C-alpha atoms as a PDB file:
ATOM      1  CA  UNK A   1      46.489 175.307 138.937  1.00  0.00           C
ATOM      2  CA  UNK A   2      44.666 171.998 138.789  1.00  0.00           C
ATOM      3  CA  UNK A   3      42.287 171.552 141.749  1.00  0.00           C
ATOM      4  CA  UNK A   4      42.378 168.584 144.088  1.00  0.00           C
ATOM      5  CA  UNK A   5      40.068 165.964 142.634  1.00  0.00           C
ATOM      6  CA  UNK A   6      37.801 163.862 144.807  1.00  0.00           C
ATOM      7  CA  UNK A   7      37.868 160.273 143.613  1.00  0.00           C
ATOM      8  CA  UNK A   8      35.833 157.499 145.144  1.00  0.00           C
ATOM      9  CA  UNK A   9      35.824 153.750 144.695  1.00  0.00           C
ATOM     10  CA  UNK A  10      33.738 152.529 141.739  1.00  0.00           C
ATOM     11  CA  UNK A  11      30.372 150.959 142.354  1.00  0.00           C
ATOM     12  CA  UNK A  12      29.805 147.244 141.953  1.00  0.00           C
ATOM     13  CA  UNK A  13      29.166 146.317 138.331  1.00  0.00           C
ATOM     14  CA  UNK A  14      30.865 149.488 137.140  1.00  0.00           C
ATOM     15  CA  UNK A  15      33.753 147.795 135.373  1.00  0.00           C
ATOM     16  CA  UNK A  16      35.749 147.516 138.610  1.00  0.00           C
ATOM     17  CA  UNK A  17      38.686 145.200 137.989  1.00  0.00           C
ATOM     18  CA  UNK A  18      38.301 145.501 134.199  1.00  0.00           C
ATOM     19  CA  UNK A  19      41.144 146.682 132.021  1.00  0.00           C
ATOM     20  CA  UNK A  20      41.239 150.399 131.274  1.00  0.00           C
ATOM     21  CA  UNK A  21      39.976 150.884 127.727  1.00  0.00           C
ATOM     22  CA  UNK A  22      40.463 154.664 127.625  1.00  0.00           C
ATOM     23  CA  UNK A  23      42.635 157.093 129.505  1.00  0.00           C
ATOM     24  CA  UNK A  24      43.706 160.668 128.994  1.00  0.00           C
ATOM     25  CA  UNK A  25      47.021 161.965 130.301  1.00  0.00           C
ATOM     26  CA  UNK A  26      47.462 165.706 130.710  1.00  0.00           C
ATOM     27  CA  UNK A  27      44.899 166.357 127.976  1.00  0.00           C
ATOM     28  CA  UNK A  28      44.934 170.062 127.168  1.00  0.00           C
ATOM     29  CA  UNK A  29      43.161 172.079 124.498  1.00  0.00           C
ATOM     30  CA  UNK A  30      43.875 175.778 124.114  1.00  0.00           C
ATOM     31  CA  UNK A  31      42.133 178.289 121.887  1.00  0.00           C
ATOM     32  CA  UNK A  32      44.484 181.242 121.922  1.00  0.00           C
ATOM     33  CA  UNK A  33      44.900 182.171 125.571  1.00  0.00           C
ATOM     34  CA  UNK A  34      41.867 180.149 126.701  1.00  0.00           C
ATOM     35  CA  UNK A  35      42.374 176.617 128.018  1.00  0.00           C
ATOM     36  CA  UNK A  36      39.121 174.791 127.215  1.00  0.00           C
ATOM     37  CA  UNK A  37      40.737 171.664 128.704  1.00  0.00           C
ATOM     38  CA  UNK A  38      43.618 171.840 131.160  1.00  0.00           C
ATOM     39  CA  UNK A  39      45.574 168.765 132.212  1.00  0.00           C
ATOM     40  CA  UNK A  40      42.594 166.395 132.165  1.00  0.00           C
ATOM     41  CA  UNK A  41      43.403 162.905 133.431  1.00  0.00           C
ATOM     42  CA  UNK A  42      40.579 160.368 133.149  1.00  0.00           C
ATOM     43  CA  UNK A  43      40.665 156.560 133.150  1.00  0.00           C
ATOM     44  CA  UNK A  44      37.644 154.531 132.010  1.00  0.00           C
ATOM     45  CA  UNK A  45      37.447 150.760 132.586  1.00  0.00           C
ATOM     46  CA  UNK A  46      36.028 148.582 129.831  1.00  0.00           C
ATOM     47  CA  UNK A  47      32.316 147.965 130.250  1.00  0.00           C
ATOM     48  CA  UNK A  48      31.617 151.117 132.255  1.00  0.00           C
ATOM     49  CA  UNK A  49      29.034 153.816 131.654  1.00  0.00           C
ATOM     50  CA  UNK A  50      30.922 157.033 132.441  1.00  0.00           C
ATOM     51  CA  UNK A  51      29.072 160.338 132.573  1.00  0.00           C
ATOM     52  CA  UNK A  52      30.865 163.616 131.904  1.00  0.00           C
ATOM     53  CA  UNK A  53      28.957 166.508 133.455  1.00  0.00           C
ATOM     54  CA  UNK A  54      29.514 170.154 134.271  1.00  0.00           C
ATOM     55  CA  UNK A  55      28.144 173.631 133.641  1.00  0.00           C
ATOM     56  CA  UNK A  56      28.098 175.208 130.182  1.00  0.00           C
ATOM     57  CA  UNK A  57      31.648 176.012 129.125  1.00  0.00           C
ATOM     58  CA  UNK A  58      33.134 173.311 131.340  1.00  0.00           C
ATOM     59  CA  UNK A  59      34.864 171.595 128.401  1.00  0.00           C
ATOM     60  CA  UNK A  60      32.574 168.614 127.862  1.00  0.00           C
ATOM     61  CA  UNK A  61      32.095 169.019 124.102  1.00  0.00           C
ATOM     62  CA  UNK A  62      35.764 169.919 123.678  1.00  0.00           C
ATOM     63  CA  UNK A  63      36.659 166.676 125.452  1.00  0.00           C
ATOM     64  CA  UNK A  64      34.467 164.692 123.054  1.00  0.00           C
ATOM     65  CA  UNK A  65      35.864 166.603 120.064  1.00  0.00           C
ATOM     66  CA  UNK A  66      39.438 165.779 121.061  1.00  0.00           C
ATOM     67  CA  UNK A  67      38.563 162.159 121.715  1.00  0.00           C
ATOM     68  CA  UNK A  68      36.878 161.691 118.327  1.00  0.00           C
ATOM     69  CA  UNK A  69      39.399 163.605 116.215  1.00  0.00           C
ATOM     70  CA  UNK A  70      37.372 166.745 115.533  1.00  0.00           C
ATOM     71  CA  UNK A  71      40.035 168.719 117.402  1.00  0.00           C
ATOM     72  CA  UNK A  72      43.759 168.072 117.737  1.00  0.00           C
ATOM     73  CA  UNK A  73      44.756 168.518 121.392  1.00  0.00           C
ATOM     74  CA  UNK A  74      47.323 171.167 122.249  1.00  0.00           C
ATOM     75  CA  UNK A  75      49.049 168.740 124.614  1.00  0.00           C
ATOM     76  CA  UNK A  76      48.609 165.391 126.309  1.00  0.00           C
ATOM     77  CA  UNK A  77      47.716 161.859 125.303  1.00  0.00           C
ATOM     78  CA  UNK A  78      44.498 159.975 124.575  1.00  0.00           C
ATOM     79  CA  UNK A  79      45.217 156.279 124.987  1.00  0.00           C
ATOM     80  CA  UNK A  80      42.583 153.892 123.633  1.00  0.00           C
ATOM     81  CA  UNK A  81      43.213 150.172 123.704  1.00  0.00           C
ATOM     82  CA  UNK A  82      46.856 150.837 124.520  1.00  0.00           C
ATOM     83  CA  UNK A  83      47.432 153.180 121.554  1.00  0.00           C
ATOM     84  CA  UNK A  84      47.832 156.953 121.640  1.00  0.00           C
ATOM     85  CA  UNK A  85      45.184 158.275 119.234  1.00  0.00           C
ATOM     86  CA  UNK A  86      45.507 161.987 120.040  1.00  0.00           C
ATOM     87  CA  UNK A  87      45.502 164.013 116.830  1.00  0.00           C
ATOM     88  CA  UNK A  88      44.292 161.245 114.518  1.00  0.00           C
ATOM     89  CA  UNK A  89      41.567 162.331 112.059  1.00  0.00           C
ATOM     90  CA  UNK A  90      37.957 161.279 112.730  1.00  0.00           C
ATOM     91  CA  UNK A  91      37.872 158.561 110.052  1.00  0.00           C
ATOM     92  CA  UNK A  92      40.880 156.768 111.541  1.00  0.00           C
ATOM     93  CA  UNK A  93      39.567 157.125 115.086  1.00  0.00           C
ATOM     94  CA  UNK A  94      36.261 155.648 113.922  1.00  0.00           C
ATOM     95  CA  UNK A  95      38.152 152.658 112.539  1.00  0.00           C
ATOM     96  CA  UNK A  96      39.770 152.217 115.959  1.00  0.00           C
ATOM     97  CA  UNK A  97      36.219 151.335 117.153  1.00  0.00           C
ATOM     98  CA  UNK A  98      35.096 154.648 118.637  1.00  0.00           C
ATOM     99  CA  UNK A  99      31.687 155.979 117.599  1.00  0.00           C
ATOM    100  CA  UNK A 100      29.832 159.142 118.504  1.00  0.00           C
ATOM    101  CA  UNK A 101      26.428 160.768 118.462  1.00  0.00           C
ATOM    102  CA  UNK A 102      26.034 164.559 118.388  1.00  0.00           C
ATOM    103  CA  UNK A 103      24.012 167.188 120.268  1.00  0.00           C
ATOM    104  CA  UNK A 104      22.206 167.977 117.003  1.00  0.00           C
ATOM    105  CA  UNK A 105      20.796 164.903 115.295  1.00  0.00           C
ATOM    106  CA  UNK A 106      23.162 163.836 112.509  1.00  0.00           C
ATOM    107  CA  UNK A 107      21.309 161.569 110.075  1.00  0.00           C
ATOM    108  CA  UNK A 108      20.492 161.475 106.362  1.00  0.00           C
ATOM    109  CA  UNK A 109      16.883 162.753 106.432  1.00  0.00           C
ATOM    110  CA  UNK A 110      16.189 161.982 102.760  1.00  0.00           C
ATOM    111  CA  UNK A 111      17.296 158.355 103.069  1.00  0.00           C
ATOM    112  CA  UNK A 112      15.323 155.533 104.608  1.00  0.00           C
ATOM    113  CA  UNK A 113      16.001 154.347 108.111  1.00  0.00           C
ATOM    114  CA  UNK A 114      17.543 151.172 106.706  1.00  0.00           C
ATOM    115  CA  UNK A 115      19.768 153.084 104.286  1.00  0.00           C
ATOM    116  CA  UNK A 116      21.124 155.256 107.096  1.00  0.00           C
ATOM    117  CA  UNK A 117      22.257 152.207 109.024  1.00  0.00           C
ATOM    118  CA  UNK A 118      23.250 150.180 105.968  1.00  0.00           C
ATOM    119  CA  UNK A 119      25.725 152.867 104.870  1.00  0.00           C
ATOM    120  CA  UNK A 120      27.321 152.837 108.311  1.00  0.00           C
ATOM    121  CA  UNK A 121      27.533 149.046 108.357  1.00  0.00           C
ATOM    122  CA  UNK A 122      28.971 148.964 104.837  1.00  0.00           C
ATOM    123  CA  UNK A 123      31.727 151.401 105.879  1.00  0.00           C
ATOM    124  CA  UNK A 124      33.219 148.598 107.962  1.00  0.00           C
ATOM    125  CA  UNK A 125      33.732 146.382 104.905  1.00  0.00           C
ATOM    126  CA  UNK A 126      37.222 146.643 103.443  1.00  0.00           C
ATOM    127  CA  UNK A 127      36.487 144.782 100.209  1.00  0.00           C
ATOM    128  CA  UNK A 128      33.179 146.199  99.005  1.00  0.00           C
ATOM    129  CA  UNK A 129      33.057 147.450  95.433  1.00  0.00           C
ATOM    130  CA  UNK A 130      31.333 150.502  93.974  1.00  0.00           C
ATOM    131  CA  UNK A 131      30.610 148.338  90.921  1.00  0.00           C
ATOM    132  CA  UNK A 132      28.288 146.042  92.870  1.00  0.00           C
ATOM    133  CA  UNK A 133      24.801 147.030  93.977  1.00  0.00           C
ATOM    134  CA  UNK A 134      24.526 147.289  97.756  1.00  0.00           C
ATOM    135  CA  UNK A 135      21.651 144.767  97.711  1.00  0.00           C
ATOM    136  CA  UNK A 136      24.184 142.085  96.798  1.00  0.00           C
ATOM    137  CA  UNK A 137      25.835 142.466 100.199  1.00  0.00           C
ATOM    138  CA  UNK A 138      23.329 140.430 102.152  1.00  0.00           C
ATOM    139  CA  UNK A 139      25.526 140.368 105.256  1.00  0.00           C
ATOM    140  CA  UNK A 140      25.471 144.172 105.343  1.00  0.00           C
ATOM    141  CA  UNK A 141      21.695 144.302 104.968  1.00  0.00           C
ATOM    142  CA  UNK A 142      21.291 141.644 107.655  1.00  0.00           C
ATOM    143  CA  UNK A 143      23.628 143.595 109.940  1.00  0.00           C
ATOM    144  CA  UNK A 144      21.608 146.774 109.415  1.00  0.00           C
ATOM    145  CA  UNK A 145      18.339 145.005 110.238  1.00  0.00           C
ATOM    146  CA  UNK A 146      19.902 143.459 113.335  1.00  0.00           C
ATOM    147  CA  UNK A 147      21.074 146.845 114.592  1.00  0.00           C
ATOM    148  CA  UNK A 148      17.687 148.424 113.897  1.00  0.00           C
ATOM    149  CA  UNK A 149      16.008 145.624 115.827  1.00  0.00           C
ATOM    150  CA  UNK A 150      18.330 146.273 118.781  1.00  0.00           C
ATOM    151  CA  UNK A 151      17.109 149.883 119.013  1.00  0.00           C
ATOM    152  CA  UNK A 152      13.469 149.085 118.280  1.00  0.00           C
ATOM    153  CA  UNK A 153      13.375 150.585 114.773  1.00  0.00           C
ATOM    154  CA  UNK A 154      13.314 147.572 112.461  1.00  0.00           C
ATOM    155  CA  UNK A 155       9.621 148.125 111.875  1.00  0.00           C
ATOM    156  CA  UNK A 156      10.479 151.575 110.485  1.00  0.00           C
ATOM    157  CA  UNK A 157      13.216 150.332 108.138  1.00  0.00           C
ATOM    158  CA  UNK A 158      11.492 151.545 104.962  1.00  0.00           C
ATOM    159  CA  UNK A 159      10.450 154.920 106.384  1.00  0.00           C
ATOM    160  CA  UNK A 160      12.265 158.116 105.464  1.00  0.00           C
ATOM    161  CA  UNK A 161      14.419 159.192 108.406  1.00  0.00           C
ATOM    162  CA  UNK A 162      12.925 162.687 108.172  1.00  0.00           C
ATOM    163  CA  UNK A 163       9.500 161.264 109.031  1.00  0.00           C
ATOM    164  CA  UNK A 164      10.558 159.768 112.360  1.00  0.00           C
ATOM    165  CA  UNK A 165       9.748 161.467 115.648  1.00  0.00           C
ATOM    166  CA  UNK A 166      12.555 163.384 117.338  1.00  0.00           C
ATOM    167  CA  UNK A 167      13.145 160.582 119.820  1.00  0.00           C
ATOM    168  CA  UNK A 168      13.231 157.958 117.082  1.00  0.00           C
ATOM    169  CA  UNK A 169      15.691 160.059 115.077  1.00  0.00           C
ATOM    170  CA  UNK A 170      17.993 160.239 118.098  1.00  0.00           C
ATOM    171  CA  UNK A 171      17.768 156.464 118.481  1.00  0.00           C
ATOM    172  CA  UNK A 172      18.472 156.070 114.759  1.00  0.00           C
ATOM    173  CA  UNK A 173      21.669 158.016 115.311  1.00  0.00           C
ATOM    174  CA  UNK A 174      22.616 155.535 118.028  1.00  0.00           C
ATOM    175  CA  UNK A 175      21.869 152.716 115.568  1.00  0.00           C
ATOM    176  CA  UNK A 176      24.151 154.323 112.979  1.00  0.00           C
ATOM    177  CA  UNK A 177      26.919 154.448 115.576  1.00  0.00           C
ATOM    178  CA  UNK A 178      26.336 150.822 116.592  1.00  0.00           C
ATOM    179  CA  UNK A 179      26.520 149.695 112.950  1.00  0.00           C
ATOM    180  CA  UNK A 180      30.192 150.716 112.901  1.00  0.00           C
ATOM    181  CA  UNK A 181      30.825 148.073 115.605  1.00  0.00           C
ATOM    182  CA  UNK A 182      32.365 150.325 118.251  1.00  0.00           C
ATOM    183  CA  UNK A 183      34.003 149.294 121.487  1.00  0.00           C
ATOM    184  CA  UNK A 184      33.536 152.813 122.873  1.00  0.00           C
ATOM    185  CA  UNK A 185      30.334 154.769 122.235  1.00  0.00           C
ATOM    186  CA  UNK A 186      30.293 158.508 122.970  1.00  0.00           C
ATOM    187  CA  UNK A 187      26.795 159.934 123.403  1.00  0.00           C
ATOM    188  CA  UNK A 188      26.509 163.721 123.380  1.00  0.00           C
ATOM    189  CA  UNK A 189      23.246 164.723 125.112  1.00  0.00           C
ATOM    190  CA  UNK A 190      21.281 161.737 123.752  1.00  0.00           C
ATOM    191  CA  UNK A 191      17.992 162.752 125.403  1.00  0.00           C
ATOM    192  CA  UNK A 192      18.087 166.459 124.494  1.00  0.00           C
ATOM    193  CA  UNK A 193      14.671 167.731 123.406  1.00  0.00           C
ATOM    194  CA  UNK A 194      12.886 164.485 124.194  1.00  0.00           C
ATOM    195  CA  UNK A 195       9.554 164.021 125.899  1.00  0.00           C
ATOM    196  CA  UNK A 196       9.419 162.201 129.232  1.00  0.00           C
ATOM    197  CA  UNK A 197       8.364 158.985 127.497  1.00  0.00           C
ATOM    198  CA  UNK A 198      11.084 159.292 124.856  1.00  0.00           C
ATOM    199  CA  UNK A 199      13.705 159.986 127.529  1.00  0.00           C
ATOM    200  CA  UNK A 200      12.675 156.868 129.413  1.00  0.00           C
ATOM    201  CA  UNK A 201      12.845 154.778 126.230  1.00  0.00           C
ATOM    202  CA  UNK A 202      16.289 156.063 125.274  1.00  0.00           C
ATOM    203  CA  UNK A 203      17.589 155.580 128.815  1.00  0.00           C
ATOM    204  CA  UNK A 204      16.464 151.961 128.725  1.00  0.00           C
ATOM    205  CA  UNK A 205      18.050 151.570 125.284  1.00  0.00           C
ATOM    206  CA  UNK A 206      21.392 152.874 126.548  1.00  0.00           C
ATOM    207  CA  UNK A 207      21.234 150.582 129.555  1.00  0.00           C
ATOM    208  CA  UNK A 208      20.498 147.620 127.267  1.00  0.00           C
ATOM    209  CA  UNK A 209      23.279 148.221 124.737  1.00  0.00           C
ATOM    210  CA  UNK A 210      25.791 148.922 127.511  1.00  0.00           C
ATOM    211  CA  UNK A 211      26.051 145.193 128.209  1.00  0.00           C
ATOM    212  CA  UNK A 212      28.447 144.924 125.243  1.00  0.00           C
ATOM    213  CA  UNK A 213      30.022 148.401 125.204  1.00  0.00           C
ATOM    214  CA  UNK A 214      31.882 151.042 127.103  1.00  0.00           C
ATOM    215  CA  UNK A 215      29.840 154.238 127.025  1.00  0.00           C
ATOM    216  CA  UNK A 216      30.779 157.858 127.628  1.00  0.00           C
ATOM    217  CA  UNK A 217      27.777 160.123 128.005  1.00  0.00           C
ATOM    218  CA  UNK A 218      27.482 163.898 128.219  1.00  0.00           C
ATOM    219  CA  UNK A 219      24.019 164.700 129.522  1.00  0.00           C
ATOM    220  CA  UNK A 220      22.336 167.614 131.335  1.00  0.00           C
ATOM    221  CA  UNK A 221      19.368 165.597 132.618  1.00  0.00           C
ATOM    222  CA  UNK A 222      20.620 164.618 136.067  1.00  0.00           C
ATOM    223  CA  UNK A 223      17.914 162.009 136.521  1.00  0.00           C
ATOM    224  CA  UNK A 224      19.242 160.242 133.414  1.00  0.00           C
ATOM    225  CA  UNK A 225      22.853 160.607 134.584  1.00  0.00           C
ATOM    226  CA  UNK A 226      22.199 159.350 138.092  1.00  0.00           C
ATOM    227  CA  UNK A 227      20.195 156.427 136.786  1.00  0.00           C
ATOM    228  CA  UNK A 228      22.711 155.287 134.171  1.00  0.00           C
ATOM    229  CA  UNK A 229      26.257 156.148 135.176  1.00  0.00           C
ATOM    230  CA  UNK A 230      28.535 153.886 137.163  1.00  0.00           C
ATOM    231  CA  UNK A 231      30.986 156.750 137.595  1.00  0.00           C
ATOM    232  CA  UNK A 232      30.638 160.490 137.024  1.00  0.00           C
ATOM    233  CA  UNK A 233      33.428 162.889 136.110  1.00  0.00           C
ATOM    234  CA  UNK A 234      32.680 166.570 136.742  1.00  0.00           C
ATOM    235  CA  UNK A 235      34.440 169.166 134.609  1.00  0.00           C
ATOM    236  CA  UNK A 236      34.656 172.825 135.607  1.00  0.00           C
ATOM    237  CA  UNK A 237      36.556 175.453 133.622  1.00  0.00           C
ATOM    238  CA  UNK A 238      38.256 172.677 131.671  1.00  0.00           C
ATOM    239  CA  UNK A 239      39.555 170.802 134.694  1.00  0.00           C
ATOM    240  CA  UNK A 240      38.395 167.720 136.579  1.00  0.00           C
ATOM    241  CA  UNK A 241      36.625 168.992 139.692  1.00  0.00           C
ATOM    242  CA  UNK A 242      35.439 165.683 141.100  1.00  0.00           C
ATOM    243  CA  UNK A 243      34.964 162.053 140.174  1.00  0.00           C
ATOM    244  CA  UNK A 244      33.041 159.263 141.824  1.00  0.00           C
ATOM    245  CA  UNK A 245      29.826 157.316 142.119  1.00  0.00           C
ATOM    246  CA  UNK A 246      26.503 159.087 141.537  1.00  0.00           C
ATOM    247  CA  UNK A 247      25.848 159.132 145.292  1.00  0.00           C
ATOM    248  CA  UNK A 248      29.248 160.652 146.021  1.00  0.00           C
ATOM    249  CA  UNK A 249      28.841 163.305 143.342  1.00  0.00           C
ATOM    250  CA  UNK A 250      25.370 164.262 144.600  1.00  0.00           C
ATOM    251  CA  UNK A 251      26.792 164.682 148.105  1.00  0.00           C
ATOM    252  CA  UNK A 252      29.889 166.624 147.041  1.00  0.00           C
ATOM    253  CA  UNK A 253      29.553 170.239 148.254  1.00  0.00           C
ATOM    254  CA  UNK A 254      31.895 171.583 145.573  1.00  0.00           C
ATOM    255  CA  UNK A 255      29.824 169.983 142.821  1.00  0.00           C
ATOM    256  CA  UNK A 256      26.629 171.250 144.419  1.00  0.00           C
ATOM    257  CA  UNK A 257      28.053 174.758 144.466  1.00  0.00           C
ATOM    258  CA  UNK A 258      29.251 174.966 140.865  1.00  0.00           C
ATOM    259  CA  UNK A 259      26.714 172.765 139.109  1.00  0.00           C
ATOM    260  CA  UNK A 260      23.957 170.931 140.942  1.00  0.00           C
ATOM    261  CA  UNK A 261      22.932 174.055 142.929  1.00  0.00           C
ATOM    262  CA  UNK A 262      21.366 172.064 145.727  1.00  0.00           C
END
C-alpha cells in the first residue's frame, strides 16, 4: 500500500509556475517478487534542482536506471517533454535531451580531456562522416572547449583523463554530459569520494550550470542536498515517503525516523 505523501509548496525560484518537464505516473519496477519501485508519481518543473534521497535500497538508482533507459519499467509511464519515454533504449533517451552521470566515474581514461568531451559533442551531429578527420569539425572542437571552460577544465584539455584528480574526473563526467546538450541532467552521487574542497567546487559548479538546465540529483551528502535542492523527494522501500522543500523535509518526523536519524 502506498503511504500518504507529504507535499509542500515549492520554494521561490524553484521552477514554481514553470511547465512540468518530467513526470512519472505509477512507475513500478519489479525484480521477481521484489518491487524496487512501486507506483512512484513525481512531477518536476523545468528549471528545478530536484534531489532524490533515501536510505540504501530505497530505489534511487533504480529510478535513474528506468529514467535513462538502463531498465525497462514493469509498469507506469515516464513522460518527458510531453512524450512517454518509458522503455526506450539509452541511446534514444539520450537523444531526447536527457544526460546522466554515474556513481562510478565513467570516462575514457586513456583519452585526453578534450577528446572525452569532443566525442560526446560529436555524437550530437547527424551529418558527420567517418571519412573526415575530427579536426575538420571546428564547431565540435569549439563546443568541446566551451563546455570544458564552463566546468573549469579547459586548461586541462590536453591532459590524459586518467591523470586528473578524482574531483576533476567527476567534473569531466559532468562536462561529457553537458556536451550532449541535455535539457535534463541526472547526477548520481556527483560528490562521492570527494574532499571538502572538491565537494564545494562541484556544488558551486552544479549551482552554476543549473541556470540553463533541469537537474535531478541523487546524493547522500545532506549538506550538499540541502544547499542545492529546490525540492526533495524521499524514497523508502521503492515508494515516495515525502516531498517538499529542504526545510520541510528536515522537519518531517517520518523522514527523520527512516533516513535523517535526527
